[in-house]
Structures are given as structure tokens and as C-alpha cells.
C-alpha atoms as a PDB file:
ATOM      1  CA  MET A   1      63.634  89.112 -13.344  1.00  0.00           C
ATOM      2  CA  LYS A   2      62.801  85.533 -12.988  1.00  0.00           C
ATOM      3  CA  LYS A   3      60.832  83.259 -14.653  1.00  0.00           C
ATOM      4  CA  LYS A   4      57.808  81.366 -13.247  1.00  0.00           C
ATOM      5  CA  LYS A   5      57.381  78.323 -12.236  1.00  0.00           C
ATOM      6  CA  LYS A   6      54.694  77.419 -14.255  1.00  0.00           C
ATOM      7  CA  LEU A   7      52.342  75.338 -12.492  1.00  0.00           C
ATOM      8  CA  LYS A   8      51.636  71.367 -13.292  1.00  0.00           C
ATOM      9  CA  PRO A   9      47.579  71.168 -14.027  1.00  0.00           C
ATOM     10  CA  LYS A  10      45.796  70.314 -10.882  1.00  0.00           C
ATOM     11  CA  ILE A  11      42.699  67.455 -11.260  1.00  0.00           C
ATOM     12  CA  ARG A  12      40.825  67.924  -7.317  1.00  0.00           C
ATOM     13  CA  GLY A  13      44.192  69.223  -5.840  1.00  0.00           C
ATOM     14  CA  GLU A  14      46.296  66.653  -7.351  1.00  0.00           C
ATOM     15  CA  PRO A  15      48.881  66.447 -10.023  1.00  0.00           C
ATOM     16  CA  VAL A  16      48.106  64.660 -13.371  1.00  0.00           C
ATOM     17  CA  LYS A  17      50.846  62.478 -12.937  1.00  0.00           C
ATOM     18  CA  LYS A  18      49.159  61.565  -9.837  1.00  0.00           C
ATOM     19  CA  ILE A  19      46.372  60.877 -10.924  1.00  0.00           C
ATOM     20  CA  ARG A  20      47.805  58.806 -13.705  1.00  0.00           C
ATOM     21  CA  ARG A  21      49.343  56.574 -11.098  1.00  0.00           C
ATOM     22  CA  LYS A  22      46.106  56.371  -9.177  1.00  0.00           C
ATOM     23  CA  THR A  23      44.757  55.310 -12.354  1.00  0.00           C
ATOM     24  CA  ILE A  24      46.800  52.399 -13.335  1.00  0.00           C
ATOM     25  CA  LYS A  25      47.411  50.952 -10.076  1.00  0.00           C
ATOM     26  CA  ASN A  26      43.352  50.857  -9.394  1.00  0.00           C
ATOM     27  CA  LYS A  27      43.832  49.381 -13.033  1.00  0.00           C
ATOM     28  CA  ILE A  28      46.708  45.982 -12.298  1.00  0.00           C
ATOM     29  CA  PHE A  29      44.089  46.310  -9.069  1.00  0.00           C
ATOM     30  CA  LEU A  30      41.061  45.638 -11.077  1.00  0.00           C
ATOM     31  CA  ILE A  31      42.453  43.202 -12.785  1.00  0.00           C
ATOM     32  CA  LEU A  32      44.011  41.344 -10.596  1.00  0.00           C
ATOM     33  CA  ILE A  33      41.011  40.766  -8.483  1.00  0.00           C
ATOM     34  CA  ILE A  34      39.194  39.682 -11.954  1.00  0.00           C
ATOM     35  CA  VAL A  35      42.266  37.091 -12.308  1.00  0.00           C
ATOM     36  CA  LEU A  36      41.993  35.560  -9.416  1.00  0.00           C
ATOM     37  CA  PHE A  37      38.378  35.222  -9.258  1.00  0.00           C
ATOM     38  CA  THR A  38      38.697  33.318 -12.656  1.00  0.00           C
ATOM     39  CA  PHE A  39      41.633  31.061 -10.675  1.00  0.00           C
ATOM     40  CA  ILE A  40      38.441  30.223  -8.115  1.00  0.00           C
ATOM     41  CA  HIS A  41      35.890  29.766 -10.650  1.00  0.00           C
ATOM     42  CA  ASN A  42      38.065  26.909 -12.103  1.00  0.00           C
ATOM     43  CA  MET A  43      39.000  25.193  -9.174  1.00  0.00           C
ATOM     44  CA  GLU A  44      35.829  24.776  -8.081  1.00  0.00           C
ATOM     45  CA  LYS A  45      34.857  23.612 -11.853  1.00  0.00           C
ATOM     46  CA  LYS A  46      38.103  21.333 -11.294  1.00  0.00           C
ATOM     47  CA  SER A  47      37.478  20.443  -7.479  1.00  0.00           C
ATOM     48  CA  SER A  48      33.308  19.376  -8.836  1.00  0.00           C
ATOM     49  CA  LYS A  49      34.913  17.770 -11.725  1.00  0.00           C
ATOM     50  CA  VAL A  50      36.101  15.047  -9.211  1.00  0.00           C
ATOM     51  CA  VAL A  51      33.464  14.833  -7.314  1.00  0.00           C
ATOM     52  CA  SER A  52      31.264  14.450  -9.960  1.00  0.00           C
ATOM     53  CA  ASN A  53      33.920  11.445 -11.322  1.00  0.00           C
ATOM     54  CA  SER A  54      33.879   9.652  -7.570  1.00  0.00           C
ATOM     55  CA  VAL A  55      30.805  10.015  -6.377  1.00  0.00           C
ATOM     56  CA  VAL A  56      27.985   8.009  -7.344  1.00  0.00           C
ATOM     57  CA  GLU A  57      24.728  10.295  -9.159  1.00  0.00           C
ATOM     58  CA  VAL A  58      22.045   8.142  -8.023  1.00  0.00           C
ATOM     59  CA  SER A  59      18.505   7.922 -10.188  1.00  0.00           C
ATOM     60  CA  ASN A  60      15.375   6.699  -8.001  1.00  0.00           C
ATOM     61  CA  ASN A  61      15.355   4.144 -10.069  1.00  0.00           C
ATOM     62  CA  GLU A  62      18.645   3.404  -9.390  1.00  0.00           C
ATOM     63  CA  SER A  63      18.465   4.173  -5.536  1.00  0.00           C
ATOM     64  CA  GLU A  64      15.911   1.567  -4.970  1.00  0.00           C
ATOM     65  CA  ASN A  65      17.935  -1.447  -7.428  1.00  0.00           C
ATOM     66  CA  ILE A  66      21.403  -0.433  -5.737  1.00  0.00           C
ATOM     67  CA  THR A  67      19.498  -2.121  -2.059  1.00  0.00           C
ATOM     68  CA  SER A  68      18.658  -4.854  -3.798  1.00  0.00           C
ATOM     69  CA  VAL A  69      21.895  -6.100  -4.338  1.00  0.00           C
ATOM     70  CA  LYS A  70      23.806  -8.534  -2.746  1.00  0.00           C
ATOM     71  CA  PRO A  71      26.964  -9.010  -3.382  1.00  0.00           C
ATOM     72  CA  LEU A  72      28.573 -12.338  -4.299  1.00  0.00           C
ATOM     73  CA  PHE A  73      31.942 -13.856  -2.306  1.00  0.00           C
ATOM     74  CA  PRO A  74      32.524 -17.098  -4.144  1.00  0.00           C
ATOM     75  CA  ASN A  75      34.953 -19.346  -2.707  1.00  0.00           C
ATOM     76  CA  LYS A  76      34.927 -21.464  -6.110  1.00  0.00           C
ATOM     77  CA  VAL A  77      34.518 -20.344  -9.829  1.00  0.00           C
ATOM     78  CA  TYR A  78      34.337 -23.656 -12.027  1.00  0.00           C
ATOM     79  CA  GLY A  79      37.605 -24.786  -9.665  1.00  0.00           C
ATOM     80  CA  VAL A  80      39.261 -22.375  -9.090  1.00  0.00           C
ATOM     81  CA  PRO A  81      39.902 -20.938  -5.550  1.00  0.00           C
ATOM     82  CA  VAL A  82      39.494 -17.720  -4.457  1.00  0.00           C
ATOM     83  CA  TYR A  83      40.091 -16.384  -1.434  1.00  0.00           C
ATOM     84  CA  THR A  84      38.222 -12.914   0.041  1.00  0.00           C
ATOM     85  CA  GLU A  85      40.854 -10.857   1.881  1.00  0.00           C
ATOM     86  CA  LEU A  86      38.948  -7.224   1.575  1.00  0.00           C
ATOM     87  CA  ILE A  87      40.507  -3.698   1.603  1.00  0.00           C
ATOM     88  CA  GLU A  88      39.029  -1.456   5.120  1.00  0.00           C
ATOM     89  CA  SER A  89      36.357  -0.294   4.770  1.00  0.00           C
ATOM     90  CA  ASN A  90      36.259   3.755   4.540  1.00  0.00           C
ATOM     91  CA  THR A  91      39.270   4.215   3.393  1.00  0.00           C
ATOM     92  CA  LYS A  92      41.064   6.085   0.157  1.00  0.00           C
ATOM     93  CA  ALA A  93      41.323   2.342  -1.831  1.00  0.00           C
ATOM     94  CA  ARG A  94      36.883   1.283  -0.684  1.00  0.00           C
ATOM     95  CA  PRO A  95      35.224   4.544   0.241  1.00  0.00           C
ATOM     96  CA  GLY A  96      32.220   1.489   0.216  1.00  0.00           C
ATOM     97  CA  THR A  97      30.138   3.697  -2.106  1.00  0.00           C
ATOM     98  CA  LYS A  98      27.294   1.511  -2.905  1.00  0.00           C
ATOM     99  CA  ARG A  99      26.002   1.195  -6.548  1.00  0.00           C
ATOM    100  CA  ILE A 100      24.439  -1.147  -9.097  1.00  0.00           C
ATOM    101  CA  ILE A 101      26.523  -3.444 -11.482  1.00  0.00           C
ATOM    102  CA  LYS A 102      26.642  -2.323 -14.812  1.00  0.00           C
ATOM    103  CA  TYR A 103      30.109  -3.859 -16.609  1.00  0.00           C
ATOM    104  CA  ILE A 104      33.019  -6.231 -15.701  1.00  0.00           C
ATOM    105  CA  VAL A 105      35.934  -4.608 -16.256  1.00  0.00           C
ATOM    106  CA  ILE A 106      39.203  -5.949 -17.413  1.00  0.00           C
ATOM    107  CA  HIS A 107      42.786  -5.446 -16.911  1.00  0.00           C
ATOM    108  CA  GLU A 108      46.296  -6.750 -16.499  1.00  0.00           C
ATOM    109  CA  THR A 109      48.630  -5.888 -14.200  1.00  0.00           C
ATOM    110  CA  ASP A 110      51.430  -4.752 -16.104  1.00  0.00           C
ATOM    111  CA  ASN A 111      52.898  -6.045 -12.718  1.00  0.00           C
ATOM    112  CA  PHE A 112      56.359  -8.273 -15.110  1.00  0.00           C
ATOM    113  CA  GLY A 113      58.125  -8.875 -11.978  1.00  0.00           C
ATOM    114  CA  ASN A 114      58.753 -12.943 -10.249  1.00  0.00           C
ATOM    115  CA  GLY A 115      55.787 -13.439  -7.391  1.00  0.00           C
ATOM    116  CA  VAL A 116      53.573 -11.010  -7.926  1.00  0.00           C
ATOM    117  CA  GLY A 117      50.945 -13.202  -8.487  1.00  0.00           C
ATOM    118  CA  ALA A 118      47.092 -12.730  -6.641  1.00  0.00           C
ATOM    119  CA  LYS A 119      48.293 -13.314  -3.933  1.00  0.00           C
ATOM    120  CA  ASN A 120      50.909 -10.285  -3.305  1.00  0.00           C
ATOM    121  CA  HIS A 121      48.323  -7.811  -5.373  1.00  0.00           C
ATOM    122  CA  ALA A 122      45.753  -9.083  -2.201  1.00  0.00           C
ATOM    123  CA  ILE A 123      48.513  -7.625   0.361  1.00  0.00           C
ATOM    124  CA  PHE A 124      49.887  -4.365  -1.646  1.00  0.00           C
ATOM    125  CA  LEU A 125      45.974  -3.199  -1.399  1.00  0.00           C
ATOM    126  CA  LYS A 126      44.891  -3.372   2.210  1.00  0.00           C
ATOM    127  CA  GLU A 127      49.193  -2.346   3.074  1.00  0.00           C
ATOM    128  CA  ASN A 128      48.426   0.702   0.756  1.00  0.00           C
ATOM    129  CA  ASN A 129      44.897   2.121   1.727  1.00  0.00           C
ATOM    130  CA  THR A 130      45.957   5.461   1.673  1.00  0.00           C
ATOM    131  CA  THR A 131      45.706   5.467  -2.374  1.00  0.00           C
ATOM    132  CA  SER A 132      42.148   5.856  -4.034  1.00  0.00           C
ATOM    133  CA  THR A 133      43.995   3.108  -7.414  1.00  0.00           C
ATOM    134  CA  SER A 134      41.873  -0.117  -6.504  1.00  0.00           C
ATOM    135  CA  TRP A 135      39.983  -3.048  -8.088  1.00  0.00           C
ATOM    136  CA  HIS A 136      37.325  -5.889  -7.579  1.00  0.00           C
ATOM    137  CA  TYR A 137      39.084  -9.122  -8.592  1.00  0.00           C
ATOM    138  CA  THR A 138      43.176 -10.244  -8.904  1.00  0.00           C
ATOM    139  CA  VAL A 139      43.195 -13.754 -10.910  1.00  0.00           C
ATOM    140  CA  ASP A 140      46.850 -15.561 -12.109  1.00  0.00           C
ATOM    141  CA  ASP A 141      47.239 -18.909 -13.268  1.00  0.00           C
ATOM    142  CA  LEU A 142      46.626 -20.941  -9.677  1.00  0.00           C
ATOM    143  CA  GLU A 143      43.424 -18.713  -7.383  1.00  0.00           C
ATOM    144  CA  ILE A 144      41.979 -15.707  -7.865  1.00  0.00           C
ATOM    145  CA  TYR A 145      42.079 -12.702  -4.635  1.00  0.00           C
ATOM    146  CA  HIS A 146      38.886 -11.312  -4.089  1.00  0.00           C
ATOM    147  CA  HIS A 147      39.500  -7.237  -2.584  1.00  0.00           C
ATOM    148  CA  ILE A 148      36.656  -5.213  -2.645  1.00  0.00           C
ATOM    149  CA  PRO A 149      32.645  -6.741  -2.490  1.00  0.00           C
ATOM    150  CA  ASP A 150      31.159  -5.918  -5.824  1.00  0.00           C
ATOM    151  CA  ASN A 151      28.483  -3.564  -5.408  1.00  0.00           C
ATOM    152  CA  GLU A 152      31.155  -1.283  -4.624  1.00  0.00           C
ATOM    153  CA  ILE A 153      32.511   0.979  -6.050  1.00  0.00           C
ATOM    154  CA  ALA A 154      36.671   1.268  -7.144  1.00  0.00           C
ATOM    155  CA  ASN A 155      38.952   3.314  -9.090  1.00  0.00           C
ATOM    156  CA  HIS A 156      39.926   1.269 -11.485  1.00  0.00           C
ATOM    157  CA  ALA A 157      38.942   2.234 -15.257  1.00  0.00           C
ATOM    158  CA  GLY A 158      39.878   5.870 -14.939  1.00  0.00           C
ATOM    159  CA  GLU A 159      36.454   6.863 -16.021  1.00  0.00           C
ATOM    160  CA  ARG A 160      32.847   7.778 -14.153  1.00  0.00           C
ATOM    161  CA  GLU A 161      31.414   5.119 -16.379  1.00  0.00           C
ATOM    162  CA  GLY A 162      33.949   2.875 -15.711  1.00  0.00           C
ATOM    163  CA  ASN A 163      34.801   3.358 -11.510  1.00  0.00           C
ATOM    164  CA  ASN A 164      30.922   3.808 -10.808  1.00  0.00           C
ATOM    165  CA  TYR A 165      29.342   0.801 -12.298  1.00  0.00           C
ATOM    166  CA  GLY A 166      32.340  -1.641 -13.476  1.00  0.00           C
ATOM    167  CA  ILE A 167      33.822  -4.958 -11.792  1.00  0.00           C
ATOM    168  CA  GLY A 168      37.478  -4.821 -12.179  1.00  0.00           C
ATOM    169  CA  VAL A 169      38.920  -7.356 -12.396  1.00  0.00           C
ATOM    170  CA  GLU A 170      42.747  -7.392 -13.153  1.00  0.00           C
ATOM    171  CA  LEU A 171      45.052 -10.538 -14.323  1.00  0.00           C
ATOM    172  CA  CYS A 172      48.328 -11.336 -12.998  1.00  0.00           C
ATOM    173  CA  VAL A 173      51.057 -11.267 -15.665  1.00  0.00           C
ATOM    174  CA  ASN A 174      53.987 -12.325 -14.036  1.00  0.00           C
ATOM    175  CA  LYS A 175      57.169 -13.998 -15.396  1.00  0.00           C
ATOM    176  CA  ASP A 176      56.788 -16.123 -13.146  1.00  0.00           C
ATOM    177  CA  GLY A 177      53.098 -17.134 -14.198  1.00  0.00           C
ATOM    178  CA  ASN A 178      51.498 -19.298 -16.715  1.00  0.00           C
ATOM    179  CA  PHE A 179      49.451 -16.448 -18.736  1.00  0.00           C
ATOM    180  CA  GLU A 180      47.372 -19.050 -20.128  1.00  0.00           C
ATOM    181  CA  LYS A 181      46.158 -20.788 -17.504  1.00  0.00           C
ATOM    182  CA  THR A 182      45.527 -16.857 -15.516  1.00  0.00           C
ATOM    183  CA  PHE A 183      43.671 -15.695 -19.427  1.00  0.00           C
ATOM    184  CA  LYS A 184      41.558 -18.672 -18.473  1.00  0.00           C
ATOM    185  CA  ASN A 185      40.188 -18.529 -15.031  1.00  0.00           C
ATOM    186  CA  GLY A 186      39.240 -15.461 -15.782  1.00  0.00           C
ATOM    187  CA  ALA A 187      37.136 -15.780 -18.208  1.00  0.00           C
ATOM    188  CA  LYS A 188      35.575 -18.540 -15.513  1.00  0.00           C
ATOM    189  CA  LEU A 189      35.420 -15.858 -12.789  1.00  0.00           C
ATOM    190  CA  VAL A 190      34.189 -13.317 -15.458  1.00  0.00           C
ATOM    191  CA  ALA A 191      31.407 -15.998 -16.669  1.00  0.00           C
ATOM    192  CA  TYR A 192      30.276 -16.995 -12.722  1.00  0.00           C
ATOM    193  CA  LEU A 193      29.997 -12.656 -12.658  1.00  0.00           C
ATOM    194  CA  LEU A 194      27.891 -12.588 -15.313  1.00  0.00           C
ATOM    195  CA  LYS A 195      25.668 -15.063 -14.793  1.00  0.00           C
ATOM    196  CA  GLY A 196      25.218 -13.661 -10.306  1.00  0.00           C
ATOM    197  CA  TYR A 197      24.663 -10.473 -11.912  1.00  0.00           C
ATOM    198  CA  ASN A 198      22.476 -11.088 -14.706  1.00  0.00           C
ATOM    199  CA  LEU A 199      25.467  -9.708 -16.647  1.00  0.00           C
ATOM    200  CA  THR A 200      25.625 -10.228 -20.463  1.00  0.00           C
ATOM    201  CA  ILE A 201      28.340 -11.001 -22.896  1.00  0.00           C
ATOM    202  CA  LYS A 202      28.300  -7.241 -24.094  1.00  0.00           C
ATOM    203  CA  ASP A 203      28.724  -5.685 -21.076  1.00  0.00           C
ATOM    204  CA  VAL A 204      32.552  -7.465 -20.016  1.00  0.00           C
ATOM    205  CA  LYS A 205      34.443  -4.072 -21.318  1.00  0.00           C
ATOM    206  CA  THR A 206      38.315  -3.577 -21.301  1.00  0.00           C
ATOM    207  CA  HIS A 207      40.058  -0.278 -19.908  1.00  0.00           C
ATOM    208  CA  LYS A 208      40.361   1.145 -22.666  1.00  0.00           C
ATOM    209  CA  ASP A 209      36.732   0.887 -23.405  1.00  0.00           C
ATOM    210  CA  PHE A 210      36.319   4.256 -21.018  1.00  0.00           C
ATOM    211  CA  SER A 211      39.597   5.718 -20.450  1.00  0.00           C
ATOM    212  CA  ARG A 212      41.685   5.074 -23.564  1.00  0.00           C
ATOM    213  CA  LYS A 213      44.557   2.936 -22.071  1.00  0.00           C
ATOM    214  CA  ASP A 214      45.868   0.240 -23.690  1.00  0.00           C
ATOM    215  CA  CYS A 215      44.981  -1.781 -20.979  1.00  0.00           C
ATOM    216  CA  PRO A 216      44.882  -5.039 -21.374  1.00  0.00           C
ATOM    217  CA  HIS A 217      48.710  -4.666 -22.256  1.00  0.00           C
ATOM    218  CA  SER A 218      48.756  -8.113 -24.140  1.00  0.00           C
ATOM    219  CA  ILE A 219      45.521  -8.872 -25.096  1.00  0.00           C
ATOM    220  CA  LEU A 220      45.035  -5.608 -26.596  1.00  0.00           C
ATOM    221  CA  LYS A 221      47.894  -6.532 -28.132  1.00  0.00           C
ATOM    222  CA  GLN A 222      47.465 -10.143 -29.260  1.00  0.00           C
ATOM    223  CA  ASN A 223      43.179  -9.403 -30.712  1.00  0.00           C
ATOM    224  CA  ARG A 224      42.582 -11.264 -28.040  1.00  0.00           C
ATOM    225  CA  MET A 225      39.719 -10.155 -26.840  1.00  0.00           C
ATOM    226  CA  LYS A 226      36.888 -11.775 -28.555  1.00  0.00           C
ATOM    227  CA  GLU A 227      38.869 -15.480 -28.114  1.00  0.00           C
ATOM    228  CA  PHE A 228      38.975 -14.001 -24.104  1.00  0.00           C
ATOM    229  CA  LYS A 229      34.795 -13.312 -24.594  1.00  0.00           C
ATOM    230  CA  ARG A 230      34.569 -16.604 -26.479  1.00  0.00           C
ATOM    231  CA  LYS A 231      36.584 -18.192 -22.866  1.00  0.00           C
ATOM    232  CA  VAL A 232      34.216 -16.349 -21.526  1.00  0.00           C
ATOM    233  CA  LEU A 233      31.039 -18.227 -23.444  1.00  0.00           C
ATOM    234  CA  GLU A 234      31.655 -21.727 -23.463  1.00  0.00           C
ATOM    235  CA  TYR A 235      32.293 -21.432 -18.893  1.00  0.00           C
ATOM    236  CA  TYR A 236      28.973 -19.199 -19.188  1.00  0.00           C
ATOM    237  CA  ASN A 237      26.768 -22.175 -20.972  1.00  0.00           C
ATOM    238  CA  SER A 238      29.009 -24.951 -19.244  1.00  0.00           C
END
């Protein structure tokens, strides 16, 4: 007699192995759903952070003050000529968002090539307004260029507080320039802005104060920030 084959146990008419396979598939599917949901949730959080870093969150008191801030457009500051060459508005480099002014943020261009003074940086910013990096003034040993109205945000400090409330001032370090004169011209501009916007010397910051970037590099390396502020006060009080 032939032995009868043992029938595999069934649950609701399906073999156990098939049931197990289905269970495993369901678990994998559930895990994938959870992973996908977590990924989307994290991406939404990241995107909200980007928005919060670039957009000013305005309180009621600030909104009243924003409209009262009239930007300065100097022709000269303590004898140094200032040329206004504004970046086109409603671009990534100049979104046009109005704000109050709390700080003046000092940078160095770290562009050491010959001929890359304030004028060249103004040309660069106007021709490359599709990138978000921007600042308000560039200073060299002969002149100053003004790129964005002071009452508008620019992306220069690497951090929301500095970007949204700081006037970005870049000091040129081109090899064919005289950095000591640039240093003085930067101090003259800062003194002018402090007076114009009713700020104090405590409101003069560096890029490093906001994002820990080693900028302005040479000034920080040589411990000259206190000297720079003293020079600012000399012009401020003159």
C-alpha cells in the first residue's frame, strides 16, 4: 500500500508557508511605509528650517519699525567715494525682504587675486544674482560699492539672526590693494552706518560671531578686531 501523503495544515484554506510569506510581505510593506513617512516628515522639517532661516519672523513691534527704516544711500563717507550698484530686486541674491537693522557684520572677501577690488565684486554680484550669497557693501583701498539697500536682508552671515538683521560689509584682500587703507575705509563706513541707524559699537559683529566661520580671516588671525572698533569710534567721534 502506498503511504498517504501528509497534508500540510491549512488556515482558511491556505498553506502555513503561504500565510507566513504573506505575513512577512505585510511586515516589510509596513516597515517601508513607516520609513517613507519618516523620510517625508524629516524633509518637511528641513525645508521649514530653510524657510525660517531665510524669512524674517516679524513681531508686531518689529513690523511697525520696519516701515520706519529708511535706507541710506551715501555718496561719500568721511571722504571715501561710495557707488550704488544695486543687484536686481526679487532675485535669489536680493529677495527684497524688508527688516529692521540690529548689526553691522564684518567680512573679508578671501579673494586674493589682482584686480578683484570693490568694483569687480559689484559686477560679480549683479551678474550672478541667481545664487543666494550676497551682502550690502564691498570696501577696498580706494572706494566702496553698495549692492543691496540696508533695510533688506542678504545672505552673508551663515545664520538667520545675522542674515535677517545684519548689514554685511566685505573688506577686499586683493594682492594689488592696500589692506591698511581698506581697513580704515571699512571703519569709516561702519562709523557712518552706526550714526545713520542709531547703533552702538557693541552692534559691530564678525561673520564668526554668527556661524563660527573664520571670517574676517586676517583681522581675526592678527587679533585686530578691537583695533578695528577703536578706529570706528575715532571716525564716529570726529
